[in-house]
């Protein structure tokens, strides 16, 4: 009897630990963007859920990147993507007070990774220009896409809207 109880518990633990760590077949509802002009100036509506820096690990599949423990330096900064909405290249800008590793991903509502930028950066500014195209170079359909960024034990997200 003990064997079957132990065996049942073992099977339960194994099965409950199984999950799809990849993409999600159920679409996530990305809503709202922070509107910006071609120079990055906020222009109109601000999505208060976007473009913030948070501590911890994001709820999106990402490799672990941690910096030294300590308080949040005043000079970490993430600018809203611009221009947003866009029908062409969109610019992402980050300010880092120290050299660090970063992982920046652009995903669709199914959490498919459309673009990934992961490397190291010196202290200063990092600018990424992203053309909203698929792996074959075809324009992405009009929709809202999410940028998920992680660096120095911090993370955040922001939405960008691709228009026709």
C-alpha atoms as a PDB file:
ATOM      1  CA  UNK A   1       0.000   0.000   0.000  1.00  0.00           C
ATOM      2  CA  UNK A   2       2.835   2.408   0.879  1.00  0.00           C
ATOM      3  CA  UNK A   3       4.337   1.700  -2.531  1.00  0.00           C
ATOM      4  CA  UNK A   4       1.160   2.780  -4.356  1.00  0.00           C
ATOM      5  CA  UNK A   5       0.781   5.932  -2.288  1.00  0.00           C
ATOM      6  CA  UNK A   6       4.425   6.849  -2.933  1.00  0.00           C
ATOM      7  CA  UNK A   7       4.127   5.941  -6.603  1.00  0.00           C
ATOM      8  CA  UNK A   8       0.911   7.973  -6.999  1.00  0.00           C
ATOM      9  CA  UNK A   9       2.512  10.973  -5.312  1.00  0.00           C
ATOM     10  CA  UNK A  10       5.585  10.669  -7.564  1.00  0.00           C
ATOM     11  CA  UNK A  11       3.421  10.526 -10.714  1.00  0.00           C
ATOM     12  CA  UNK A  12       1.394  13.535  -9.524  1.00  0.00           C
ATOM     13  CA  UNK A  13       4.568  15.576  -8.912  1.00  0.00           C
ATOM     14  CA  UNK A  14       5.987  14.665 -12.327  1.00  0.00           C
ATOM     15  CA  UNK A  15       2.754  15.469 -14.181  1.00  0.00           C
ATOM     16  CA  UNK A  16       2.108  18.706 -12.305  1.00  0.00           C
ATOM     17  CA  UNK A  17       5.619  19.888 -13.150  1.00  0.00           C
ATOM     18  CA  UNK A  18       5.025  19.467 -16.873  1.00  0.00           C
ATOM     19  CA  UNK A  19       4.151  22.590 -18.789  1.00  0.00           C
ATOM     20  CA  UNK A  20       4.523  24.192 -22.167  1.00  0.00           C
ATOM     21  CA  UNK A  21       7.432  26.573 -21.665  1.00  0.00           C
ATOM     22  CA  UNK A  22       7.251  27.678 -25.278  1.00  0.00           C
ATOM     23  CA  UNK A  23       4.582  29.603 -27.093  1.00  0.00           C
ATOM     24  CA  UNK A  24       1.008  29.918 -25.969  1.00  0.00           C
ATOM     25  CA  UNK A  25      -1.866  28.893 -28.255  1.00  0.00           C
ATOM     26  CA  UNK A  26      -4.283  31.194 -26.439  1.00  0.00           C
ATOM     27  CA  UNK A  27      -3.721  34.796 -27.505  1.00  0.00           C
ATOM     28  CA  UNK A  28      -2.840  37.339 -24.862  1.00  0.00           C
ATOM     29  CA  UNK A  29      -4.759  40.595 -25.032  1.00  0.00           C
ATOM     30  CA  UNK A  30      -2.216  43.388 -25.531  1.00  0.00           C
ATOM     31  CA  UNK A  31      -4.138  46.629 -25.152  1.00  0.00           C
ATOM     32  CA  UNK A  32      -3.123  50.235 -25.255  1.00  0.00           C
ATOM     33  CA  UNK A  33       0.055  51.946 -26.343  1.00  0.00           C
ATOM     34  CA  UNK A  34       1.848  55.144 -25.416  1.00  0.00           C
ATOM     35  CA  UNK A  35       1.573  57.390 -28.466  1.00  0.00           C
ATOM     36  CA  UNK A  36       4.861  58.979 -29.562  1.00  0.00           C
ATOM     37  CA  UNK A  37       6.016  61.056 -32.511  1.00  0.00           C
ATOM     38  CA  UNK A  38       9.015  60.408 -34.781  1.00  0.00           C
ATOM     39  CA  UNK A  39      11.336  62.128 -32.276  1.00  0.00           C
ATOM     40  CA  UNK A  40      10.184  60.073 -29.286  1.00  0.00           C
ATOM     41  CA  UNK A  41       8.066  62.800 -27.710  1.00  0.00           C
ATOM     42  CA  UNK A  42       4.920  61.549 -26.014  1.00  0.00           C
ATOM     43  CA  UNK A  43       2.029  62.651 -28.169  1.00  0.00           C
ATOM     44  CA  UNK A  44      -1.421  62.018 -26.761  1.00  0.00           C
ATOM     45  CA  UNK A  45      -2.548  59.006 -24.780  1.00  0.00           C
ATOM     46  CA  UNK A  46      -0.154  57.367 -22.309  1.00  0.00           C
ATOM     47  CA  UNK A  47      -0.606  53.686 -21.439  1.00  0.00           C
ATOM     48  CA  UNK A  48       0.208  53.674 -17.726  1.00  0.00           C
ATOM     49  CA  UNK A  49       0.941  49.928 -17.870  1.00  0.00           C
ATOM     50  CA  UNK A  50       3.872  50.335 -20.308  1.00  0.00           C
ATOM     51  CA  UNK A  51       7.525  51.333 -20.254  1.00  0.00           C
ATOM     52  CA  UNK A  52       8.274  50.962 -16.535  1.00  0.00           C
ATOM     53  CA  UNK A  53      11.196  49.217 -14.854  1.00  0.00           C
ATOM     54  CA  UNK A  54      10.306  46.571 -12.271  1.00  0.00           C
ATOM     55  CA  UNK A  55      12.390  44.274 -10.100  1.00  0.00           C
ATOM     56  CA  UNK A  56      12.222  40.496 -10.286  1.00  0.00           C
ATOM     57  CA  UNK A  57      11.614  38.147 -13.188  1.00  0.00           C
ATOM     58  CA  UNK A  58       9.162  38.863 -16.022  1.00  0.00           C
ATOM     59  CA  UNK A  59       6.181  36.558 -16.587  1.00  0.00           C
ATOM     60  CA  UNK A  60       7.507  35.873 -20.099  1.00  0.00           C
ATOM     61  CA  UNK A  61       9.973  33.142 -21.020  1.00  0.00           C
ATOM     62  CA  UNK A  62      13.398  34.675 -20.723  1.00  0.00           C
ATOM     63  CA  UNK A  63      16.841  33.649 -19.615  1.00  0.00           C
ATOM     64  CA  UNK A  64      17.843  34.739 -16.139  1.00  0.00           C
ATOM     65  CA  UNK A  65      19.918  37.920 -15.986  1.00  0.00           C
ATOM     66  CA  UNK A  66      20.878  39.352 -12.635  1.00  0.00           C
ATOM     67  CA  UNK A  67      23.093  42.238 -11.638  1.00  0.00           C
ATOM     68  CA  UNK A  68      24.575  42.906  -8.222  1.00  0.00           C
ATOM     69  CA  UNK A  69      22.152  43.337  -5.350  1.00  0.00           C
ATOM     70  CA  UNK A  70      21.472  46.866  -4.242  1.00  0.00           C
ATOM     71  CA  UNK A  71      19.192  49.825  -4.716  1.00  0.00           C
ATOM     72  CA  UNK A  72      17.890  50.932  -8.083  1.00  0.00           C
ATOM     73  CA  UNK A  73      20.282  53.540  -9.540  1.00  0.00           C
ATOM     74  CA  UNK A  74      18.509  56.789 -10.386  1.00  0.00           C
ATOM     75  CA  UNK A  75      19.818  56.804 -13.940  1.00  0.00           C
ATOM     76  CA  UNK A  76      18.288  53.567 -15.310  1.00  0.00           C
ATOM     77  CA  UNK A  77      15.813  54.695 -17.939  1.00  0.00           C
ATOM     78  CA  UNK A  78      13.555  53.224 -20.605  1.00  0.00           C
ATOM     79  CA  UNK A  79      12.002  55.563 -23.158  1.00  0.00           C
ATOM     80  CA  UNK A  80       8.680  54.710 -24.840  1.00  0.00           C
ATOM     81  CA  UNK A  81       9.169  53.230 -28.313  1.00  0.00           C
ATOM     82  CA  UNK A  82       8.843  55.720 -31.158  1.00  0.00           C
ATOM     83  CA  UNK A  83       7.120  56.472 -33.413  1.00  0.00           C
ATOM     84  CA  UNK A  84       4.161  54.639 -31.951  1.00  0.00           C
ATOM     85  CA  UNK A  85       1.971  53.659 -33.730  1.00  0.00           C
ATOM     86  CA  UNK A  86       4.262  52.891 -36.658  1.00  0.00           C
ATOM     87  CA  UNK A  87       4.138  51.736 -40.251  1.00  0.00           C
ATOM     88  CA  UNK A  88       7.918  51.368 -40.434  1.00  0.00           C
ATOM     89  CA  UNK A  89      10.984  51.147 -38.229  1.00  0.00           C
ATOM     90  CA  UNK A  90      10.441  51.702 -34.512  1.00  0.00           C
ATOM     91  CA  UNK A  91      13.167  52.836 -32.094  1.00  0.00           C
ATOM     92  CA  UNK A  92      13.742  51.498 -28.573  1.00  0.00           C
ATOM     93  CA  UNK A  93      16.041  53.499 -26.259  1.00  0.00           C
ATOM     94  CA  UNK A  94      17.528  52.431 -22.915  1.00  0.00           C
ATOM     95  CA  UNK A  95      19.909  54.213 -20.513  1.00  0.00           C
ATOM     96  CA  UNK A  96      22.211  52.076 -18.330  1.00  0.00           C
ATOM     97  CA  UNK A  97      24.378  53.543 -15.540  1.00  0.00           C
ATOM     98  CA  UNK A  98      26.668  50.464 -15.561  1.00  0.00           C
ATOM     99  CA  UNK A  99      27.910  47.818 -17.976  1.00  0.00           C
ATOM    100  CA  UNK A 100      25.473  44.903 -18.005  1.00  0.00           C
ATOM    101  CA  UNK A 101      23.835  42.036 -19.860  1.00  0.00           C
ATOM    102  CA  UNK A 102      20.435  42.628 -21.422  1.00  0.00           C
ATOM    103  CA  UNK A 103      17.703  40.538 -23.024  1.00  0.00           C
ATOM    104  CA  UNK A 104      15.104  42.354 -25.130  1.00  0.00           C
ATOM    105  CA  UNK A 105      12.392  40.478 -27.005  1.00  0.00           C
ATOM    106  CA  UNK A 106       9.534  41.548 -29.230  1.00  0.00           C
ATOM    107  CA  UNK A 107       6.648  39.093 -29.073  1.00  0.00           C
ATOM    108  CA  UNK A 108       3.209  38.711 -30.588  1.00  0.00           C
ATOM    109  CA  UNK A 109       0.008  37.957 -28.692  1.00  0.00           C
ATOM    110  CA  UNK A 110       0.814  34.234 -28.854  1.00  0.00           C
ATOM    111  CA  UNK A 111       4.208  34.948 -27.237  1.00  0.00           C
ATOM    112  CA  UNK A 112       6.086  33.991 -30.403  1.00  0.00           C
ATOM    113  CA  UNK A 113       9.432  35.764 -30.345  1.00  0.00           C
ATOM    114  CA  UNK A 114       9.617  37.979 -33.439  1.00  0.00           C
ATOM    115  CA  UNK A 115      12.950  39.601 -32.588  1.00  0.00           C
ATOM    116  CA  UNK A 116      15.509  39.063 -29.849  1.00  0.00           C
ATOM    117  CA  UNK A 117      18.404  41.237 -28.779  1.00  0.00           C
ATOM    118  CA  UNK A 118      20.599  39.785 -26.038  1.00  0.00           C
ATOM    119  CA  UNK A 119      24.132  40.881 -25.425  1.00  0.00           C
ATOM    120  CA  UNK A 120      26.204  43.084 -23.162  1.00  0.00           C
ATOM    121  CA  UNK A 121      26.288  46.865 -23.132  1.00  0.00           C
ATOM    122  CA  UNK A 122      28.632  49.413 -21.644  1.00  0.00           C
ATOM    123  CA  UNK A 123      27.246  52.125 -19.407  1.00  0.00           C
ATOM    124  CA  UNK A 124      25.453  54.677 -21.562  1.00  0.00           C
ATOM    125  CA  UNK A 125      22.650  54.492 -24.107  1.00  0.00           C
ATOM    126  CA  UNK A 126      21.446  51.521 -26.103  1.00  0.00           C
ATOM    127  CA  UNK A 127      19.303  52.184 -29.174  1.00  0.00           C
ATOM    128  CA  UNK A 128      17.597  49.409 -31.110  1.00  0.00           C
ATOM    129  CA  UNK A 129      15.825  50.002 -34.423  1.00  0.00           C
ATOM    130  CA  UNK A 130      13.302  47.279 -35.253  1.00  0.00           C
ATOM    131  CA  UNK A 131      11.582  46.784 -38.588  1.00  0.00           C
ATOM    132  CA  UNK A 132       8.237  45.008 -38.028  1.00  0.00           C
ATOM    133  CA  UNK A 133       8.778  42.103 -40.423  1.00  0.00           C
ATOM    134  CA  UNK A 134       8.539  38.327 -40.040  1.00  0.00           C
ATOM    135  CA  UNK A 135      11.441  35.877 -40.438  1.00  0.00           C
ATOM    136  CA  UNK A 136      10.910  35.884 -44.226  1.00  0.00           C
ATOM    137  CA  UNK A 137      11.097  39.691 -44.373  1.00  0.00           C
ATOM    138  CA  UNK A 138       7.372  40.216 -44.988  1.00  0.00           C
ATOM    139  CA  UNK A 139       5.618  43.073 -43.142  1.00  0.00           C
ATOM    140  CA  UNK A 140       3.801  42.031 -39.980  1.00  0.00           C
ATOM    141  CA  UNK A 141       0.022  42.439 -39.920  1.00  0.00           C
ATOM    142  CA  UNK A 142      -1.469  45.471 -38.222  1.00  0.00           C
ATOM    143  CA  UNK A 143      -1.679  44.603 -34.526  1.00  0.00           C
ATOM    144  CA  UNK A 144      -0.228  45.415 -31.124  1.00  0.00           C
ATOM    145  CA  UNK A 145       3.077  43.735 -30.257  1.00  0.00           C
ATOM    146  CA  UNK A 146       4.914  43.638 -26.922  1.00  0.00           C
ATOM    147  CA  UNK A 147       8.509  44.525 -26.075  1.00  0.00           C
ATOM    148  CA  UNK A 148       9.770  42.663 -22.981  1.00  0.00           C
ATOM    149  CA  UNK A 149      13.100  43.830 -21.580  1.00  0.00           C
ATOM    150  CA  UNK A 150      15.270  42.485 -18.787  1.00  0.00           C
ATOM    151  CA  UNK A 151      18.575  43.735 -17.430  1.00  0.00           C
ATOM    152  CA  UNK A 152      20.404  44.079 -14.126  1.00  0.00           C
ATOM    153  CA  UNK A 153      17.774  42.067 -12.243  1.00  0.00           C
ATOM    154  CA  UNK A 154      15.055  44.412 -13.530  1.00  0.00           C
ATOM    155  CA  UNK A 155      12.400  44.008 -16.197  1.00  0.00           C
ATOM    156  CA  UNK A 156       9.584  45.786 -17.934  1.00  0.00           C
ATOM    157  CA  UNK A 157       7.348  45.759 -20.980  1.00  0.00           C
ATOM    158  CA  UNK A 158       5.816  48.112 -23.469  1.00  0.00           C
ATOM    159  CA  UNK A 159       3.397  47.759 -26.351  1.00  0.00           C
ATOM    160  CA  UNK A 160       3.895  48.944 -29.901  1.00  0.00           C
ATOM    161  CA  UNK A 161       1.226  49.202 -32.558  1.00  0.00           C
ATOM    162  CA  UNK A 162       1.962  48.330 -36.172  1.00  0.00           C
ATOM    163  CA  UNK A 163      -0.431  50.007 -38.599  1.00  0.00           C
ATOM    164  CA  UNK A 164      -0.869  49.443 -42.359  1.00  0.00           C
END
